[in-house]
Amino acid sequence: LSNVAWAFARLPISCQQLLRSIADEANGKLGSFSPQGLSNLVWALAKTKAMQAYSDDPRTARTKGANALRFQAVADEARQVLHAFKPQDTCNLVWAMASLQIPDHQDFL
């Protein structure tokens, strides 16, 4: 899923609905993603602006639209495997979460 999301995010075409569907499918599988896969997925969503996050409460982040990757779950999963992240994975994840205005991105710095 993350490789498909990354590849489509690199294309000069709009693929937001596809990426939203990938995010929806990824929700129940976050524990199976590698650190690179997790960061690539969130990077692709941020790069294409497929998910515009917003925060009503500084401790939680929600996304607009019915299909939404649970960014809090991504942050929780990333914390559990942070020791396995390479510098590029960390940079991609932090950039994406900051771009999407996910409050927990500072925890990874």
C-alpha atoms as a PDB file:
ATOM      1  CA  LEU A   1       0.000   0.000   0.000  1.00  0.00           C
ATOM      2  CA  SER A   2       2.713   2.479   0.921  1.00  0.00           C
ATOM      3  CA  ASN A   3       4.656   1.812  -2.287  1.00  0.00           C
ATOM      4  CA  VAL A   4       1.561   2.418  -4.395  1.00  0.00           C
ATOM      5  CA  ALA A   5       0.793   5.608  -2.457  1.00  0.00           C
ATOM      6  CA  TRP A   6       4.376   6.832  -2.841  1.00  0.00           C
ATOM      7  CA  ALA A   7       4.440   6.056  -6.580  1.00  0.00           C
ATOM      8  CA  PHE A   8       1.164   7.836  -7.290  1.00  0.00           C
ATOM      9  CA  ALA A   9       2.231  10.832  -5.207  1.00  0.00           C
ATOM     10  CA  ARG A  10       5.253  11.207  -7.498  1.00  0.00           C
ATOM     11  CA  LEU A  11       3.086  11.380 -10.640  1.00  0.00           C
ATOM     12  CA  PRO A  12       1.983  14.747 -12.044  1.00  0.00           C
ATOM     13  CA  ILE A  13      -1.689  13.718 -11.944  1.00  0.00           C
ATOM     14  CA  SER A  14      -4.426  14.050  -9.352  1.00  0.00           C
ATOM     15  CA  CYS A  15      -4.908  10.800  -7.497  1.00  0.00           C
ATOM     16  CA  GLN A  16      -6.452  12.001  -4.256  1.00  0.00           C
ATOM     17  CA  GLN A  17      -9.386   9.588  -4.255  1.00  0.00           C
ATOM     18  CA  LEU A  18      -7.045   6.631  -4.763  1.00  0.00           C
ATOM     19  CA  LEU A  19      -4.828   7.832  -1.915  1.00  0.00           C
ATOM     20  CA  ARG A  20      -7.840   8.313   0.352  1.00  0.00           C
ATOM     21  CA  SER A  21      -8.858   4.721  -0.403  1.00  0.00           C
ATOM     22  CA  ILE A  22      -5.331   3.520   0.370  1.00  0.00           C
ATOM     23  CA  ALA A  23      -5.416   5.448   3.660  1.00  0.00           C
ATOM     24  CA  ASP A  24      -8.760   3.888   4.514  1.00  0.00           C
ATOM     25  CA  GLU A  25      -7.380   0.408   3.812  1.00  0.00           C
ATOM     26  CA  ALA A  26      -4.209   1.120   5.809  1.00  0.00           C
ATOM     27  CA  ASN A  27      -6.133   1.989   8.969  1.00  0.00           C
ATOM     28  CA  GLY A  28      -6.355  -1.578  10.189  1.00  0.00           C
ATOM     29  CA  LYS A  29      -2.875  -2.562   9.044  1.00  0.00           C
ATOM     30  CA  LEU A  30      -0.566   0.086  10.510  1.00  0.00           C
ATOM     31  CA  GLY A  31       1.234  -2.508  12.637  1.00  0.00           C
ATOM     32  CA  SER A  32       2.336  -4.372   9.521  1.00  0.00           C
ATOM     33  CA  PHE A  33       4.078  -1.370   7.928  1.00  0.00           C
ATOM     34  CA  SER A  34       7.847  -1.036   8.028  1.00  0.00           C
ATOM     35  CA  PRO A  35       9.197   2.303   9.280  1.00  0.00           C
ATOM     36  CA  GLN A  36       9.882   3.288   5.663  1.00  0.00           C
ATOM     37  CA  GLY A  37       6.418   2.175   4.599  1.00  0.00           C
ATOM     38  CA  LEU A  38       4.753   4.121   7.382  1.00  0.00           C
ATOM     39  CA  SER A  39       6.665   7.292   6.608  1.00  0.00           C
ATOM     40  CA  ASN A  40       6.145   6.901   2.835  1.00  0.00           C
ATOM     41  CA  LEU A  41       2.399   6.513   3.274  1.00  0.00           C
ATOM     42  CA  VAL A  42       2.043   9.652   5.383  1.00  0.00           C
ATOM     43  CA  TRP A  43       4.450  11.525   3.085  1.00  0.00           C
ATOM     44  CA  ALA A  44       2.329  10.624   0.033  1.00  0.00           C
ATOM     45  CA  LEU A  45      -0.848  11.861   1.726  1.00  0.00           C
ATOM     46  CA  ALA A  46       0.813  15.125   2.728  1.00  0.00           C
ATOM     47  CA  LYS A  47       2.514  15.653  -0.642  1.00  0.00           C
ATOM     48  CA  THR A  48      -0.707  15.296  -2.598  1.00  0.00           C
ATOM     49  CA  LYS A  49      -2.844  17.053  -0.015  1.00  0.00           C
ATOM     50  CA  ALA A  50      -5.169  14.044  -0.199  1.00  0.00           C
ATOM     51  CA  MET A  51      -5.830  14.437   3.502  1.00  0.00           C
ATOM     52  CA  GLN A  52      -6.085  17.886   4.952  1.00  0.00           C
ATOM     53  CA  ALA A  53      -5.787  17.523   8.684  1.00  0.00           C
ATOM     54  CA  TYR A  54      -7.117  19.973  11.155  1.00  0.00           C
ATOM     55  CA  SER A  55      -7.160  20.099  14.902  1.00  0.00           C
ATOM     56  CA  ASP A  56     -10.026  21.248  17.082  1.00  0.00           C
ATOM     57  CA  ASP A  57      -8.110  20.202  20.159  1.00  0.00           C
ATOM     58  CA  PRO A  58      -4.311  20.539  20.310  1.00  0.00           C
ATOM     59  CA  ARG A  59      -4.042  16.942  21.539  1.00  0.00           C
ATOM     60  CA  THR A  60      -6.007  15.351  18.698  1.00  0.00           C
ATOM     61  CA  ALA A  61      -6.003  15.629  14.946  1.00  0.00           C
ATOM     62  CA  ARG A  62      -8.836  14.829  12.611  1.00  0.00           C
ATOM     63  CA  THR A  63      -9.046  14.774   8.866  1.00  0.00           C
ATOM     64  CA  LYS A  64     -11.694  16.181   6.609  1.00  0.00           C
ATOM     65  CA  GLY A  65     -13.661  13.624   4.668  1.00  0.00           C
ATOM     66  CA  ALA A  66     -15.080  10.190   5.278  1.00  0.00           C
ATOM     67  CA  ASN A  67     -11.914   8.255   4.491  1.00  0.00           C
ATOM     68  CA  ALA A  68      -9.213   9.206   6.906  1.00  0.00           C
ATOM     69  CA  LEU A  69      -5.992   7.713   8.067  1.00  0.00           C
ATOM     70  CA  ARG A  70      -5.951   7.743  11.833  1.00  0.00           C
ATOM     71  CA  PHE A  71      -2.937   9.975  12.315  1.00  0.00           C
ATOM     72  CA  GLN A  72      -2.922   9.443  16.076  1.00  0.00           C
ATOM     73  CA  ALA A  73      -2.609   5.715  15.397  1.00  0.00           C
ATOM     74  CA  VAL A  74       0.252   6.446  12.972  1.00  0.00           C
ATOM     75  CA  ALA A  75       2.024   8.496  15.635  1.00  0.00           C
ATOM     76  CA  ASP A  76       1.499   5.745  18.217  1.00  0.00           C
ATOM     77  CA  GLU A  77       2.793   3.065  15.842  1.00  0.00           C
ATOM     78  CA  ALA A  78       5.796   5.182  14.860  1.00  0.00           C
ATOM     79  CA  ARG A  79       6.724   5.695  18.524  1.00  0.00           C
ATOM     80  CA  GLN A  80       6.768   1.922  19.039  1.00  0.00           C
ATOM     81  CA  VAL A  81       9.234   1.335  16.200  1.00  0.00           C
ATOM     82  CA  LEU A  82      11.120   4.621  16.314  1.00  0.00           C
ATOM     83  CA  HIS A  83      14.368   2.790  17.100  1.00  0.00           C
ATOM     84  CA  ALA A  84      14.131   1.121  13.668  1.00  0.00           C
ATOM     85  CA  PHE A  85      13.607   4.356  11.727  1.00  0.00           C
ATOM     86  CA  LYS A  86      16.414   5.505   9.480  1.00  0.00           C
ATOM     87  CA  PRO A  87      17.075   9.260   9.351  1.00  0.00           C
ATOM     88  CA  GLN A  88      15.229   9.576   6.011  1.00  0.00           C
ATOM     89  CA  ASP A  89      12.178   7.784   7.433  1.00  0.00           C
ATOM     90  CA  THR A  90      12.125  10.133  10.413  1.00  0.00           C
ATOM     91  CA  CYS A  91      12.499  13.213   8.200  1.00  0.00           C
ATOM     92  CA  ASN A  92       9.696  12.118   5.879  1.00  0.00           C
ATOM     93  CA  LEU A  93       7.366  11.336   8.779  1.00  0.00           C
ATOM     94  CA  VAL A  94       8.044  14.580  10.651  1.00  0.00           C
ATOM     95  CA  TRP A  95       7.706  16.677   7.477  1.00  0.00           C
ATOM     96  CA  ALA A  96       4.431  14.982   6.547  1.00  0.00           C
ATOM     97  CA  MET A  97       2.929  15.261  10.016  1.00  0.00           C
ATOM     98  CA  ALA A  98       3.973  18.914  10.280  1.00  0.00           C
ATOM     99  CA  SER A  99       2.518  19.613   6.823  1.00  0.00           C
ATOM    100  CA  LEU A 100      -0.743  17.992   7.891  1.00  0.00           C
ATOM    101  CA  GLN A 101      -0.655  19.893  11.197  1.00  0.00           C
ATOM    102  CA  ILE A 102      -0.582  16.756  13.325  1.00  0.00           C
ATOM    103  CA  PRO A 103       0.226  17.936  16.870  1.00  0.00           C
ATOM    104  CA  ASP A 104       2.318  14.899  17.854  1.00  0.00           C
ATOM    105  CA  HIS A 105       5.011  15.391  15.213  1.00  0.00           C
ATOM    106  CA  GLN A 106       7.268  17.213  17.693  1.00  0.00           C
ATOM    107  CA  ASP A 107       7.602  13.986  19.691  1.00  0.00           C
ATOM    108  CA  PHE A 108       9.870  12.624  16.942  1.00  0.00           C
ATOM    109  CA  LEU A 109      12.416  15.450  17.024  1.00  0.00           C
END
